[in-house]
PDB file of all heavy atoms in Angstrom:
ATOM      1  N   GLY A   1      14.788   0.162   0.754  1.00  0.00           N
ATOM      2  CA  GLY A   1      13.513  -0.538   0.812  1.00  0.00           C
ATOM      3  C   GLY A   1      12.503   0.183   1.679  1.00  0.00           C
ATOM      4  O   GLY A   1      11.325   0.301   1.326  1.00  0.00           O
ATOM      5  N   GLU A   2      12.962   0.705   2.822  1.00  0.00           N
ATOM      6  CA  GLU A   2      12.062   1.450   3.695  1.00  0.00           C
ATOM      7  C   GLU A   2      11.601   2.743   3.040  1.00  0.00           C
ATOM      8  O   GLU A   2      10.432   3.142   3.172  1.00  0.00           O
ATOM      9  CB  GLU A   2      12.742   1.760   5.026  1.00  0.00           C
ATOM     10  CG  GLU A   2      12.981   0.529   5.909  1.00  0.00           C
ATOM     11  CD  GLU A   2      14.153  -0.308   5.442  1.00  0.00           C
ATOM     12  OE1 GLU A   2      14.849   0.133   4.485  1.00  0.00           O
ATOM     13  OE2 GLU A   2      14.378  -1.381   6.010  1.00  0.00           O
ATOM     14  N   MET A   3      12.508   3.394   2.325  1.00  0.00           N
ATOM     15  CA  MET A   3      12.137   4.615   1.616  1.00  0.00           C
ATOM     16  C   MET A   3      11.086   4.329   0.548  1.00  0.00           C
ATOM     17  O   MET A   3      10.102   5.063   0.408  1.00  0.00           O
ATOM     18  CB  MET A   3      13.369   5.254   0.982  1.00  0.00           C
ATOM     19  CG  MET A   3      14.358   5.826   1.968  1.00  0.00           C
ATOM     20  SD  MET A   3      15.858   6.426   1.153  1.00  0.00           S
ATOM     21  CE  MET A   3      15.173   7.600   0.005  1.00  0.00           C
ATOM     22  N   LEU A   4      11.284   3.241  -0.202  1.00  0.00           N
ATOM     23  CA  LEU A   4      10.337   2.898  -1.268  1.00  0.00           C
ATOM     24  C   LEU A   4       8.971   2.557  -0.687  1.00  0.00           C
ATOM     25  O   LEU A   4       7.932   2.915  -1.265  1.00  0.00           O
ATOM     26  CB  LEU A   4      10.874   1.729  -2.088  1.00  0.00           C
ATOM     27  CG  LEU A   4      10.018   1.271  -3.273  1.00  0.00           C
ATOM     28  CD1 LEU A   4       9.790   2.422  -4.247  1.00  0.00           C
ATOM     29  CD2 LEU A   4      10.667   0.092  -3.975  1.00  0.00           C
ATOM     30  N   SER A   5       8.954   1.879   0.460  1.00  0.00           N
ATOM     31  CA  SER A   5       7.677   1.541   1.089  1.00  0.00           C
ATOM     32  C   SER A   5       6.912   2.797   1.496  1.00  0.00           C
ATOM     33  O   SER A   5       5.698   2.892   1.299  1.00  0.00           O
ATOM     34  CB  SER A   5       7.916   0.652   2.319  1.00  0.00           C
ATOM     35  OG  SER A   5       8.541  -0.566   1.944  1.00  0.00           O
ATOM     36  N   GLN A   6       7.623   3.772   2.055  1.00  0.00           N
ATOM     37  CA  GLN A   6       6.965   5.010   2.454  1.00  0.00           C
ATOM     38  C   GLN A   6       6.481   5.798   1.241  1.00  0.00           C
ATOM     39  O   GLN A   6       5.396   6.398   1.262  1.00  0.00           O
ATOM     40  CB  GLN A   6       7.929   5.861   3.283  1.00  0.00           C
ATOM     41  CG  GLN A   6       7.313   7.131   3.845  1.00  0.00           C
ATOM     42  CD  GLN A   6       6.138   6.854   4.748  1.00  0.00           C
ATOM     43  OE1 GLN A   6       6.197   5.968   5.590  1.00  0.00           O
ATOM     44  NE2 GLN A   6       5.058   7.596   4.580  1.00  0.00           N
ATOM     45  N   ILE A   7       7.271   5.798   0.173  1.00  0.00           N
ATOM     46  CA  ILE A   7       6.861   6.500  -1.052  1.00  0.00           C
ATOM     47  C   ILE A   7       5.610   5.854  -1.639  1.00  0.00           C
ATOM     48  O   ILE A   7       4.690   6.539  -2.105  1.00  0.00           O
ATOM     49  CB  ILE A   7       8.016   6.511  -2.064  1.00  0.00           C
ATOM     50  CG1 ILE A   7       9.157   7.394  -1.555  1.00  0.00           C
ATOM     51  CG2 ILE A   7       7.540   7.005  -3.428  1.00  0.00           C
ATOM     52  CD1 ILE A   7      10.407   7.320  -2.411  1.00  0.00           C
ATOM     53  N   ARG A   8       5.558   4.534  -1.621  1.00  0.00           N
ATOM     54  CA  ARG A   8       4.371   3.844  -2.116  1.00  0.00           C
ATOM     55  C   ARG A   8       3.142   4.186  -1.280  1.00  0.00           C
ATOM     56  O   ARG A   8       2.038   4.349  -1.815  1.00  0.00           O
ATOM     57  CB  ARG A   8       4.611   2.334  -2.109  1.00  0.00           C
ATOM     58  CG  ARG A   8       5.533   1.849  -3.218  1.00  0.00           C
ATOM     59  CD  ARG A   8       5.862   0.388  -3.045  1.00  0.00           C
ATOM     60  NE  ARG A   8       6.607  -0.144  -4.187  1.00  0.00           N
ATOM     61  CZ  ARG A   8       7.157  -1.353  -4.217  1.00  0.00           C
ATOM     62  NH1 ARG A   8       7.027  -2.159  -3.162  1.00  0.00           N
ATOM     63  NH2 ARG A   8       7.817  -1.757  -5.289  1.00  0.00           N
ATOM     64  N   LEU A   9       3.330   4.301   0.025  1.00  0.00           N
ATOM     65  CA  LEU A   9       2.219   4.693   0.884  1.00  0.00           C
ATOM     66  C   LEU A   9       1.734   6.105   0.557  1.00  0.00           C
ATOM     67  O   LEU A   9       0.524   6.370   0.564  1.00  0.00           O
ATOM     68  CB  LEU A   9       2.640   4.610   2.349  1.00  0.00           C
ATOM     69  CG  LEU A   9       2.783   3.208   2.954  1.00  0.00           C
ATOM     70  CD1 LEU A   9       3.310   3.303   4.378  1.00  0.00           C
ATOM     71  CD2 LEU A   9       1.454   2.474   2.933  1.00  0.00           C
ATOM     72  N   ASP A  10       2.675   7.005   0.270  1.00  0.00           N
ATOM     73  CA  ASP A  10       2.289   8.372  -0.088  1.00  0.00           C
ATOM     74  C   ASP A  10       1.473   8.395  -1.382  1.00  0.00           C
ATOM     75  O   ASP A  10       0.481   9.117  -1.496  1.00  0.00           O
ATOM     76  CB  ASP A  10       3.535   9.243  -0.226  1.00  0.00           C
ATOM     77  CG  ASP A  10       4.252   9.438   1.103  1.00  0.00           C
ATOM     78  OD1 ASP A  10       3.616   9.209   2.147  1.00  0.00           O
ATOM     79  OD2 ASP A  10       5.452   9.788   1.089  1.00  0.00           O
ATOM     80  N   ILE A  11       1.905   7.612  -2.377  1.00  0.00           N
ATOM     81  CA  ILE A  11       1.166   7.567  -3.648  1.00  0.00           C
ATOM     82  C   ILE A  11      -0.219   6.964  -3.434  1.00  0.00           C
ATOM     83  O   ILE A  11      -1.226   7.480  -3.946  1.00  0.00           O
ATOM     84  CB  ILE A  11       1.956   6.758  -4.690  1.00  0.00           C
ATOM     85  CG1 ILE A  11       3.269   7.465  -5.041  1.00  0.00           C
ATOM     86  CG2 ILE A  11       1.134   6.552  -5.957  1.00  0.00           C
ATOM     87  CD1 ILE A  11       4.119   6.708  -6.036  1.00  0.00           C
ATOM     88  N   ALA A  12      -0.298   5.870  -2.676  1.00  0.00           N
ATOM     89  CA  ALA A  12      -1.589   5.232  -2.423  1.00  0.00           C
ATOM     90  C   ALA A  12      -2.516   6.163  -1.651  1.00  0.00           C
ATOM     91  O   ALA A  12      -3.723   6.201  -1.905  1.00  0.00           O
ATOM     92  CB  ALA A  12      -1.380   3.932  -1.655  1.00  0.00           C
ATOM     93  N   SER A  13      -1.955   6.929  -0.715  1.00  0.00           N
ATOM     94  CA  SER A  13      -2.778   7.863   0.049  1.00  0.00           C
ATOM     95  C   SER A  13      -3.307   8.987  -0.828  1.00  0.00           C
ATOM     96  O   SER A  13      -4.482   9.368  -0.727  1.00  0.00           O
ATOM     97  CB  SER A  13      -1.962   8.442   1.205  1.00  0.00           C
ATOM     98  OG  SER A  13      -2.696   9.412   1.913  1.00  0.00           O
ATOM     99  N   ALA A  14      -2.455   9.527  -1.704  1.00  0.00           N
ATOM    100  CA  ALA A  14      -2.894  10.607  -2.583  1.00  0.00           C
ATOM    101  C   ALA A  14      -3.905  10.122  -3.617  1.00  0.00           C
ATOM    102  O   ALA A  14      -4.835  10.848  -3.980  1.00  0.00           O
ATOM    103  CB  ALA A  14      -1.689  11.244  -3.275  1.00  0.00           C
ATOM    104  N   ALA A  15      -3.719   8.901  -4.116  1.00  0.00           N
ATOM    105  CA  ALA A  15      -4.628   8.353  -5.128  1.00  0.00           C
ATOM    106  C   ALA A  15      -5.872   7.728  -4.521  1.00  0.00           C
ATOM    107  O   ALA A  15      -6.792   7.348  -5.264  1.00  0.00           O
ATOM    108  CB  ALA A  15      -3.897   7.313  -5.973  1.00  0.00           C
ATOM    109  N   LYS A  16      -5.906   7.582  -3.189  1.00  0.00           N
ATOM    110  CA  LYS A  16      -7.023   6.938  -2.480  1.00  0.00           C
ATOM    111  C   LYS A  16      -7.255   5.520  -2.990  1.00  0.00           C
ATOM    112  O   LYS A  16      -8.384   5.089  -3.212  1.00  0.00           O
ATOM    113  CB  LYS A  16      -8.292   7.777  -2.586  1.00  0.00           C
ATOM    114  CG  LYS A  16      -8.198   9.115  -1.881  1.00  0.00           C
ATOM    115  CD  LYS A  16      -9.541   9.799  -1.752  1.00  0.00           C
ATOM    116  CE  LYS A  16     -10.059  10.243  -3.092  1.00  0.00           C
ATOM    117  NZ  LYS A  16     -11.305  11.039  -2.968  1.00  0.00           N
ATOM    118  N   MET A  17      -6.143   4.798  -3.182  1.00  0.00           N
ATOM    119  CA  MET A  17      -6.189   3.419  -3.633  1.00  0.00           C
ATOM    120  C   MET A  17      -5.283   2.578  -2.743  1.00  0.00           C
ATOM    121  O   MET A  17      -4.212   3.040  -2.342  1.00  0.00           O
ATOM    122  CB  MET A  17      -5.747   3.304  -5.100  1.00  0.00           C
ATOM    123  CG  MET A  17      -6.650   4.004  -6.088  1.00  0.00           C
ATOM    124  SD  MET A  17      -6.039   3.893  -7.786  1.00  0.00           S
ATOM    125  CE  MET A  17      -6.062   2.119  -8.050  1.00  0.00           C
ATOM    126  N   PRO A  18      -5.654   1.340  -2.428  1.00  0.00           N
ATOM    127  CA  PRO A  18      -4.789   0.484  -1.611  1.00  0.00           C
ATOM    128  C   PRO A  18      -3.571   0.013  -2.390  1.00  0.00           C
ATOM    129  O   PRO A  18      -3.554   0.008  -3.622  1.00  0.00           O
ATOM    130  CB  PRO A  18      -5.708  -0.681  -1.231  1.00  0.00           C
ATOM    131  CG  PRO A  18      -6.729  -0.721  -2.322  1.00  0.00           C
ATOM    132  CD  PRO A  18      -6.938   0.694  -2.756  1.00  0.00           C
ATOM    133  N   LEU A  19      -2.545  -0.395  -1.654  1.00  0.00           N
ATOM    134  CA  LEU A  19      -1.324  -0.893  -2.291  1.00  0.00           C
ATOM    135  C   LEU A  19      -1.592  -2.139  -3.129  1.00  0.00           C
ATOM    136  O   LEU A  19      -0.887  -2.394  -4.100  1.00  0.00           O
ATOM    137  CB  LEU A  19      -0.279  -1.203  -1.220  1.00  0.00           C
ATOM    138  CG  LEU A  19       0.263  -0.012  -0.423  1.00  0.00           C
ATOM    139  CD1 LEU A  19       1.192  -0.484   0.682  1.00  0.00           C
ATOM    140  CD2 LEU A  19       0.986   0.958  -1.338  1.00  0.00           C
ATOM    141  N   THR A  20      -2.616  -2.901  -2.751  1.00  0.00           N
ATOM    142  CA  THR A  20      -2.938  -4.099  -3.519  1.00  0.00           C
ATOM    143  C   THR A  20      -3.332  -3.757  -4.945  1.00  0.00           C
ATOM    144  O   THR A  20      -2.968  -4.458  -5.890  1.00  0.00           O
ATOM    145  CB  THR A  20      -4.083  -4.861  -2.827  1.00  0.00           C
ATOM    146  OG1 THR A  20      -3.758  -5.057  -1.457  1.00  0.00           O
ATOM    147  CG2 THR A  20      -4.323  -6.201  -3.486  1.00  0.00           C
ATOM    148  N   LYS A  21      -4.082  -2.684  -5.123  1.00  0.00           N
ATOM    149  CA  LYS A  21      -4.532  -2.287  -6.459  1.00  0.00           C
ATOM    150  C   LYS A  21      -3.424  -1.598  -7.249  1.00  0.00           C
ATOM    151  O   LYS A  21      -3.320  -1.782  -8.466  1.00  0.00           O
ATOM    152  CB  LYS A  21      -5.732  -1.352  -6.336  1.00  0.00           C
ATOM    153  CG  LYS A  21      -6.983  -2.005  -5.790  1.00  0.00           C
ATOM    154  CD  LYS A  21      -7.563  -2.991  -6.783  1.00  0.00           C
ATOM    155  CE  LYS A  21      -8.861  -3.580  -6.285  1.00  0.00           C
ATOM    156  NZ  LYS A  21      -9.455  -4.531  -7.268  1.00  0.00           N
ATOM    157  N   LEU A  22      -2.586  -0.804  -6.573  1.00  0.00           N
ATOM    158  CA  LEU A  22      -1.579  -0.027  -7.281  1.00  0.00           C
ATOM    159  C   LEU A  22      -0.329  -0.830  -7.605  1.00  0.00           C
ATOM    160  O   LEU A  22       0.178  -0.785  -8.721  1.00  0.00           O
ATOM    161  CB  LEU A  22      -1.205   1.203  -6.455  1.00  0.00           C
ATOM    162  CG  LEU A  22      -2.055   2.457  -6.640  1.00  0.00           C
ATOM    163  CD1 LEU A  22      -1.601   3.546  -5.690  1.00  0.00           C
ATOM    164  CD2 LEU A  22      -2.007   2.953  -8.065  1.00  0.00           C
ATOM    165  N   PHE A  23       0.172  -1.561  -6.608  1.00  0.00           N
ATOM    166  CA  PHE A  23       1.472  -2.217  -6.767  1.00  0.00           C
ATOM    167  C   PHE A  23       1.394  -3.739  -6.647  1.00  0.00           C
ATOM    168  O   PHE A  23       2.415  -4.405  -6.766  1.00  0.00           O
ATOM    169  CB  PHE A  23       2.461  -1.693  -5.709  1.00  0.00           C
ATOM    170  CG  PHE A  23       2.682  -0.211  -5.786  1.00  0.00           C
ATOM    171  CD1 PHE A  23       2.028   0.638  -4.912  1.00  0.00           C
ATOM    172  CD2 PHE A  23       3.530   0.343  -6.734  1.00  0.00           C
ATOM    173  CE1 PHE A  23       2.227   2.014  -4.962  1.00  0.00           C
ATOM    174  CE2 PHE A  23       3.725   1.707  -6.797  1.00  0.00           C
ATOM    175  CZ  PHE A  23       3.080   2.536  -5.914  1.00  0.00           C
ATOM    176  N   GLY A  24       0.207  -4.279  -6.395  1.00  0.00           N
ATOM    177  CA  GLY A  24       0.091  -5.723  -6.257  1.00  0.00           C
ATOM    178  C   GLY A  24       0.685  -6.260  -4.978  1.00  0.00           C
ATOM    179  O   GLY A  24       1.040  -7.443  -4.905  1.00  0.00           O
ATOM    180  N   ILE A  25       0.823  -5.411  -3.949  1.00  0.00           N
ATOM    181  CA  ILE A  25       1.383  -5.828  -2.669  1.00  0.00           C
ATOM    182  C   ILE A  25       0.242  -6.297  -1.780  1.00  0.00           C
ATOM    183  O   ILE A  25      -0.707  -5.546  -1.522  1.00  0.00           O
ATOM    184  CB  ILE A  25       2.153  -4.675  -1.995  1.00  0.00           C
ATOM    185  CG1 ILE A  25       3.281  -4.195  -2.918  1.00  0.00           C
ATOM    186  CG2 ILE A  25       2.709  -5.099  -0.656  1.00  0.00           C
ATOM    187  CD1 ILE A  25       4.019  -2.994  -2.378  1.00  0.00           C
ATOM    188  N   SER A  26       0.330  -7.542  -1.318  1.00  0.00           N
ATOM    189  CA  SER A  26      -0.736  -8.075  -0.476  1.00  0.00           C
ATOM    190  C   SER A  26      -0.741  -7.387   0.872  1.00  0.00           C
ATOM    191  O   SER A  26       0.297  -6.969   1.391  1.00  0.00           O
ATOM    192  CB  SER A  26      -0.547  -9.583  -0.285  1.00  0.00           C
ATOM    193  OG  SER A  26       0.708  -9.844   0.320  1.00  0.00           O
ATOM    194  N   ALA A  27      -1.929  -7.249   1.447  1.00  0.00           N
ATOM    195  CA  ALA A  27      -2.077  -6.589   2.728  1.00  0.00           C
ATOM    196  C   ALA A  27      -1.574  -7.481   3.852  1.00  0.00           C
ATOM    197  O   ALA A  27      -1.613  -8.709   3.762  1.00  0.00           O
ATOM    198  CB  ALA A  27      -3.544  -6.210   2.969  1.00  0.00           C
ATOM    199  N   ALA A  28      -1.080  -6.868   4.919  1.00  0.00           N
ATOM    200  CA  ALA A  28      -0.582  -7.585   6.080  1.00  0.00           C
ATOM    201  C   ALA A  28      -1.411  -7.213   7.294  1.00  0.00           C
ATOM    202  O   ALA A  28      -1.998  -6.135   7.358  1.00  0.00           O
ATOM    203  CB  ALA A  28       0.894  -7.265   6.326  1.00  0.00           C
ATOM    204  N   GLY A  29      -1.448  -8.107   8.276  1.00  0.00           N
ATOM    205  CA  GLY A  29      -2.195  -7.825   9.493  1.00  0.00           C
ATOM    206  C   GLY A  29      -3.427  -8.707   9.617  1.00  0.00           C
ATOM    207  O   GLY A  29      -3.709  -9.564   8.770  1.00  0.00           O
ATOM    208  N   PHE A  30      -4.183  -8.490  10.684  1.00  0.00           N
ATOM    209  CA  PHE A  30      -5.346  -9.334  10.959  1.00  0.00           C
ATOM    210  C   PHE A  30      -6.507  -9.037  10.015  1.00  0.00           C
ATOM    211  O   PHE A  30      -7.350  -9.879   9.778  1.00  0.00           O
ATOM    212  CB  PHE A  30      -5.795  -9.128  12.407  1.00  0.00           C
ATOM    213  CG  PHE A  30      -4.785  -9.602  13.407  1.00  0.00           C
ATOM    214  CD1 PHE A  30      -3.967  -8.701  14.060  1.00  0.00           C
ATOM    215  CD2 PHE A  30      -4.637 -10.949  13.690  1.00  0.00           C
ATOM    216  CE1 PHE A  30      -3.030  -9.136  14.982  1.00  0.00           C
ATOM    217  CE2 PHE A  30      -3.705 -11.393  14.604  1.00  0.00           C
ATOM    218  CZ  PHE A  30      -2.899 -10.486  15.257  1.00  0.00           C
ATOM    219  N   SER A  31      -6.573  -7.810   9.500  1.00  0.00           N
ATOM    220  CA  SER A  31      -7.708  -7.455   8.637  1.00  0.00           C
ATOM    221  C   SER A  31      -7.588  -8.051   7.252  1.00  0.00           C
ATOM    222  O   SER A  31      -8.565  -8.137   6.526  1.00  0.00           O
ATOM    223  CB  SER A  31      -7.804  -5.923   8.518  1.00  0.00           C
ATOM    224  OG  SER A  31      -6.647  -5.400   7.887  1.00  0.00           O
ATOM    225  N   SER A  32      -6.357  -8.452   6.849  1.00  0.00           N
ATOM    226  CA  SER A  32      -6.111  -9.054   5.526  1.00  0.00           C
ATOM    227  C   SER A  32      -6.583  -8.159   4.391  1.00  0.00           C
ATOM    228  O   SER A  32      -7.019  -8.638   3.349  1.00  0.00           O
ATOM    229  CB  SER A  32      -6.790 -10.433   5.428  1.00  0.00           C
ATOM    230  OG  SER A  32      -6.278 -11.300   6.410  1.00  0.00           O
ATOM    231  N   GLY A  33      -6.534  -6.865   4.593  1.00  0.00           N
ATOM    232  CA  GLY A  33      -6.878  -5.927   3.536  1.00  0.00           C
ATOM    233  C   GLY A  33      -8.352  -5.640   3.403  1.00  0.00           C
ATOM    234  O   GLY A  33      -8.753  -4.953   2.455  1.00  0.00           O
ATOM    235  N   GLU A  34      -9.203  -6.146   4.298  1.00  0.00           N
ATOM    236  CA  GLU A  34     -10.644  -5.932   4.191  1.00  0.00           C
ATOM    237  C   GLU A  34     -10.990  -4.446   4.296  1.00  0.00           C
ATOM    238  O   GLU A  34     -11.808  -3.929   3.537  1.00  0.00           O
ATOM    239  CB  GLU A  34     -11.371  -6.721   5.283  1.00  0.00           C
ATOM    240  CG  GLU A  34     -11.267  -8.230   5.136  1.00  0.00           C
ATOM    241  CD  GLU A  34     -12.036  -8.749   3.941  1.00  0.00           C
ATOM    242  OE1 GLU A  34     -12.969  -8.059   3.511  1.00  0.00           O
ATOM    243  OE2 GLU A  34     -11.704  -9.829   3.436  1.00  0.00           O
TER     244      GLU A  34
END
């Protein structure tokens, strides 16, 4: 699971797209994805 999370971050970083748009994963933290 940790490996998959890091791989998803790498794809989102290369594509310049948030995880919400690519994988439907809601943002976490105080910013709520803003």
